[in-house]
C-alpha atoms as a PDB file:
ATOM      1  CA  MET A   1      13.987 -11.163  13.754  1.00  0.00           C
ATOM      2  CA  LYS A   2      14.601  -9.270  10.525  1.00  0.00           C
ATOM      3  CA  ARG A   3      12.543  -6.187  11.416  1.00  0.00           C
ATOM      4  CA  ASP A   4      14.373  -5.597  14.695  1.00  0.00           C
ATOM      5  CA  LYS A   5      17.732  -4.956  13.079  1.00  0.00           C
ATOM      6  CA  THR A   6      18.895  -1.382  12.623  1.00  0.00           C
ATOM      7  CA  MET A   7      19.720  -0.157   9.185  1.00  0.00           C
ATOM      8  CA  GLY A   8      23.376  -0.091  10.280  1.00  0.00           C
ATOM      9  CA  GLU A   9      23.231  -3.763  11.220  1.00  0.00           C
ATOM     10  CA  ILE A  10      21.564  -4.557   7.906  1.00  0.00           C
ATOM     11  CA  ARG A  11      24.245  -2.602   6.110  1.00  0.00           C
ATOM     12  CA  SER A  12      26.983  -4.523   7.879  1.00  0.00           C
ATOM     13  CA  GLU A  13      25.249  -7.845   7.294  1.00  0.00           C
ATOM     14  CA  GLU A  14      25.128  -7.134   3.574  1.00  0.00           C
ATOM     15  CA  GLY A  15      28.844  -6.471   3.537  1.00  0.00           C
ATOM     16  CA  TYR A  16      28.922  -2.674   3.262  1.00  0.00           C
ATOM     17  CA  ALA A  17      31.689  -0.726   4.982  1.00  0.00           C
ATOM     18  CA  GLU A  18      31.217  -0.264   8.695  1.00  0.00           C
ATOM     19  CA  ASN A  19      32.082   3.418   8.590  1.00  0.00           C
ATOM     20  CA  THR A  20      29.938   5.484   6.268  1.00  0.00           C
ATOM     21  CA  VAL A  21      31.452   8.608   4.806  1.00  0.00           C
ATOM     22  CA  VAL A  22      28.934  11.455   5.055  1.00  0.00           C
ATOM     23  CA  TYR A  23      29.205  14.056   2.323  1.00  0.00           C
ATOM     24  CA  MET A  24      27.782  17.210   3.838  1.00  0.00           C
ATOM     25  CA  ASN A  25      26.874  18.598   0.436  1.00  0.00           C
ATOM     26  CA  SER A  26      24.779  15.536  -0.362  1.00  0.00           C
ATOM     27  CA  SER A  27      21.299  15.413   1.119  1.00  0.00           C
ATOM     28  CA  LEU A  28      21.125  11.675   0.279  1.00  0.00           C
ATOM     29  CA  SER A  29      24.296  10.969   2.181  1.00  0.00           C
ATOM     30  CA  ILE A  30      23.123  12.949   5.193  1.00  0.00           C
ATOM     31  CA  TRP A  31      19.708  11.219   5.132  1.00  0.00           C
ATOM     32  CA  TYR A  32      21.230   7.780   4.912  1.00  0.00           C
ATOM     33  CA  ASN A  33      23.531   8.455   7.849  1.00  0.00           C
ATOM     34  CA  LYS A  34      20.524   9.574   9.941  1.00  0.00           C
ATOM     35  CA  ILE A  35      18.572   6.389   9.420  1.00  0.00           C
ATOM     36  CA  LEU A  36      21.423   3.967  10.244  1.00  0.00           C
ATOM     37  CA  SER A  37      20.402   3.813  13.937  1.00  0.00           C
ATOM     38  CA  LYS A  38      16.737   3.106  13.145  1.00  0.00           C
ATOM     39  CA  SER A  39      15.073  -0.289  12.763  1.00  0.00           C
ATOM     40  CA  LEU A  40      12.749  -0.912   9.835  1.00  0.00           C
ATOM     41  CA  PRO A  41       9.506  -0.227  11.819  1.00  0.00           C
ATOM     42  CA  GLU A  42      10.963   3.066  13.016  1.00  0.00           C
ATOM     43  CA  LEU A  43      11.457   4.366   9.499  1.00  0.00           C
ATOM     44  CA  ALA A  44       8.895   6.680   7.924  1.00  0.00           C
ATOM     45  CA  ASP A  45       7.087   5.542   4.831  1.00  0.00           C
ATOM     46  CA  GLY A  46       9.107   8.048   2.843  1.00  0.00           C
ATOM     47  CA  ASP A  47      12.333   6.502   4.113  1.00  0.00           C
ATOM     48  CA  VAL A  48      11.243   3.055   3.055  1.00  0.00           C
ATOM     49  CA  ALA A  49      10.217   4.406  -0.376  1.00  0.00           C
ATOM     50  CA  LYS A  50      13.553   6.170  -0.752  1.00  0.00           C
ATOM     51  CA  LEU A  51      15.506   3.057   0.140  1.00  0.00           C
ATOM     52  CA  ILE A  52      13.560   1.160  -2.490  1.00  0.00           C
ATOM     53  CA  ARG A  53      14.131   3.871  -5.130  1.00  0.00           C
ATOM     54  CA  GLN A  54      17.832   3.818  -4.333  1.00  0.00           C
ATOM     55  CA  GLU A  55      17.695   0.007  -4.452  1.00  0.00           C
ATOM     56  CA  LEU A  56      19.341  -0.257  -1.010  1.00  0.00           C
ATOM     57  CA  HIS A  57      18.862  -3.294   1.226  1.00  0.00           C
ATOM     58  CA  LEU A  58      15.951  -4.547  -0.879  1.00  0.00           C
ATOM     59  CA  ASN A  59      15.890  -8.015   0.706  1.00  0.00           C
ATOM     60  CA  TYR A  60      14.842  -6.289   3.916  1.00  0.00           C
ATOM     61  CA  VAL A  61      13.111  -3.152   2.791  1.00  0.00           C
ATOM     62  CA  ILE A  62      10.623  -4.711   0.400  1.00  0.00           C
ATOM     63  CA  ASP A  63       9.327  -7.014   3.175  1.00  0.00           C
ATOM     64  CA  GLU A  64       8.781  -3.912   5.327  1.00  0.00           C
ATOM     65  CA  ALA A  65       6.999  -2.125   2.475  1.00  0.00           C
ATOM     66  CA  VAL A  66       4.763  -5.141   1.867  1.00  0.00           C
ATOM     67  CA  SER A  67       3.866  -5.333   5.544  1.00  0.00           C
ATOM     68  CA  ARG A  68       2.907  -1.636   5.588  1.00  0.00           C
ATOM     69  CA  LEU A  69       0.935  -1.898   2.371  1.00  0.00           C
ATOM     70  CA  TRP A  70      -1.154  -4.734   3.838  1.00  0.00           C
ATOM     71  CA  GLU A  71      -2.118  -2.276   6.601  1.00  0.00           C
ATOM     72  CA  ASN A  72      -2.563   0.712   4.311  1.00  0.00           C
ATOM     73  CA  PRO A  73      -2.370   0.211   0.512  1.00  0.00           C
ATOM     74  CA  VAL A  74      -1.904   3.918  -0.108  1.00  0.00           C
ATOM     75  CA  SER A  75       1.013   4.372   2.323  1.00  0.00           C
ATOM     76  CA  GLY A  76       3.324   7.197   1.479  1.00  0.00           C
ATOM     77  CA  GLU A  77       4.920  10.302   2.851  1.00  0.00           C
ATOM     78  CA  LYS A  78       5.162  12.663  -0.092  1.00  0.00           C
ATOM     79  CA  TYR A  79       1.949  11.437  -1.723  1.00  0.00           C
ATOM     80  CA  ASP A  80      -0.667   8.678  -1.425  1.00  0.00           C
ATOM     81  CA  GLY A  81       0.647   5.491  -2.998  1.00  0.00           C
ATOM     82  CA  GLU A  82       4.322   6.510  -2.794  1.00  0.00           C
ATOM     83  CA  LEU A  83       5.321   3.181  -1.289  1.00  0.00           C
ATOM     84  CA  ILE A  84       3.617   0.992  -3.932  1.00  0.00           C
ATOM     85  CA  ASN A  85       4.815   3.279  -6.650  1.00  0.00           C
ATOM     86  CA  SER A  86       8.437   2.891  -5.507  1.00  0.00           C
ATOM     87  CA  LEU A  87       8.204  -0.856  -6.111  1.00  0.00           C
ATOM     88  CA  ASN A  88       7.629  -0.054  -9.831  1.00  0.00           C
ATOM     89  CA  GLU A  89      11.150   1.428 -10.002  1.00  0.00           C
ATOM     90  CA  ILE A  90      13.012  -1.709  -8.992  1.00  0.00           C
ATOM     91  CA  ASP A  91      15.188  -3.180 -11.719  1.00  0.00           C
ATOM     92  CA  ASP A  92      13.928  -6.338 -13.376  1.00  0.00           C
ATOM     93  CA  SER A  93      17.130  -8.234 -12.421  1.00  0.00           C
ATOM     94  CA  PHE A  94      16.182  -8.015  -8.725  1.00  0.00           C
ATOM     95  CA  TRP A  95      12.751  -9.560  -9.344  1.00  0.00           C
ATOM     96  CA  LEU A  96      14.288 -12.309 -11.527  1.00  0.00           C
ATOM     97  CA  ASN A  97      16.639 -13.283  -8.700  1.00  0.00           C
ATOM     98  CA  HIS A  98      14.148 -13.003  -5.836  1.00  0.00           C
ATOM     99  CA  SER A  99      11.041 -14.906  -6.855  1.00  0.00           C
ATOM    100  CA  ASP A 100       9.917 -15.257  -3.207  1.00  0.00           C
ATOM    101  CA  ILE A 101       9.771 -11.503  -2.790  1.00  0.00           C
ATOM    102  CA  LYS A 102       8.242 -11.084  -6.225  1.00  0.00           C
ATOM    103  CA  ASN A 103       5.470 -13.482  -5.283  1.00  0.00           C
ATOM    104  CA  LYS A 104       4.741 -11.634  -2.002  1.00  0.00           C
ATOM    105  CA  VAL A 105       4.346  -8.366  -3.920  1.00  0.00           C
ATOM    106  CA  ALA A 106       2.111 -10.029  -6.552  1.00  0.00           C
ATOM    107  CA  GLU A 107      -0.043 -11.509  -3.773  1.00  0.00           C
ATOM    108  CA  LEU A 108      -0.316  -8.050  -2.192  1.00  0.00           C
ATOM    109  CA  ILE A 109      -1.410  -6.501  -5.462  1.00  0.00           C
ATOM    110  CA  ASP A 110      -4.011  -9.202  -6.037  1.00  0.00           C
ATOM    111  CA  ALA A 111      -5.391  -8.573  -2.502  1.00  0.00           C
ATOM    112  CA  ILE A 112      -5.582  -4.809  -3.107  1.00  0.00           C
ATOM    113  CA  LYS A 113      -7.336  -5.304  -6.462  1.00  0.00           C
ATOM    114  CA  SER A 114      -9.828  -7.777  -5.016  1.00  0.00           C
ATOM    115  CA  SER A 115     -10.648  -5.444  -2.073  1.00  0.00           C
ATOM    116  CA  GLU A 116      -9.267  -7.970   0.414  1.00  0.00           C
ATOM    117  CA  ILE A 117      -7.286  -5.084   1.846  1.00  0.00           C
ATOM    118  CA  ASP A 118      -9.288  -2.067   2.908  1.00  0.00           C
ATOM    119  CA  PHE A 119      -8.236   1.510   2.418  1.00  0.00           C
ATOM    120  CA  PRO A 120      -8.142   3.604   5.634  1.00  0.00           C
ATOM    121  CA  ASP A 121     -11.582   4.733   6.750  1.00  0.00           C
ATOM    122  CA  ASP A 122     -10.735   8.424   6.471  1.00  0.00           C
ATOM    123  CA  PHE A 123      -9.030   8.076   3.084  1.00  0.00           C
ATOM    124  CA  GLU A 124     -10.200  10.189   0.114  1.00  0.00           C
ATOM    125  CA  TRP A 125      -8.680  10.397  -3.314  1.00  0.00           C
ATOM    126  CA  LEU A 126      -7.128  13.828  -3.722  1.00  0.00           C
ATOM    127  CA  TYR A 127      -8.365  14.548  -7.255  1.00  0.00           C
ATOM    128  CA  ASP A 128     -10.445  13.147 -10.055  1.00  0.00           C
ATOM    129  CA  GLY A 129      -8.492  10.383 -11.721  1.00  0.00           C
ATOM    130  CA  ALA A 130      -6.249   9.589  -8.730  1.00  0.00           C
ATOM    131  CA  GLU A 131      -7.938   6.257  -8.093  1.00  0.00           C
ATOM    132  CA  GLU A 132      -7.561   5.265 -11.705  1.00  0.00           C
ATOM    133  CA  GLU A 133      -3.875   6.220 -11.676  1.00  0.00           C
ATOM    134  CA  TYR A 134      -3.314   4.188  -8.519  1.00  0.00           C
ATOM    135  CA  PHE A 135      -4.940   1.048  -9.959  1.00  0.00           C
ATOM    136  CA  GLU A 136      -3.052   1.565 -13.240  1.00  0.00           C
ATOM    137  CA  THR A 137       0.180   1.619 -11.228  1.00  0.00           C
ATOM    138  CA  LEU A 138      -0.862  -1.698  -9.683  1.00  0.00           C
ATOM    139  CA  GLU A 139      -1.596  -3.196 -13.128  1.00  0.00           C
ATOM    140  CA  ILE A 140       1.788  -2.040 -14.495  1.00  0.00           C
ATOM    141  CA  LEU A 141       3.622  -3.596 -11.596  1.00  0.00           C
ATOM    142  CA  LEU A 142       1.667  -6.795 -11.712  1.00  0.00           C
ATOM    143  CA  ARG A 143       2.254  -7.170 -15.483  1.00  0.00           C
ATOM    144  CA  LYS A 144       5.934  -6.542 -14.945  1.00  0.00           C
ATOM    145  CA  LEU A 145       6.165  -9.184 -12.214  1.00  0.00           C
ATOM    146  CA  SER A 146       4.149 -11.734 -14.127  1.00  0.00           C
ATOM    147  CA  THR A 147       6.338 -11.483 -17.225  1.00  0.00           C
ATOM    148  CA  LEU A 148       9.595 -12.067 -15.310  1.00  0.00           C
END
């Protein structure tokens, strides 16, 4: 199963070099080396968001993000909605070449907007306007996906 593979196995499967050079003066390099032994479910929400922002292993990582967002549409480590917001940063060319993944994300957004997916029971928006910002992010992403 796709989710059981470690990030190192995914990296190898995608044709990246087996031995990763770790640059000790690069926090991104150190972080990436640390997650290679973890499977997708073992990654923190912030790790998944960072992989998406770096556009690494998107064929795997977006599926993981979508799965998490079905459970909690405001998933994130640094801030609420970090995971859904990271999807907005993916280059259009990826979406154009991966219509199956694009459709999964669009379906997720529709489900969030129609309240088919519940927010966590203990969830509260952190400030006035946060809810509007979140739904605006969804609209921007949905418009982007629908025009591609």
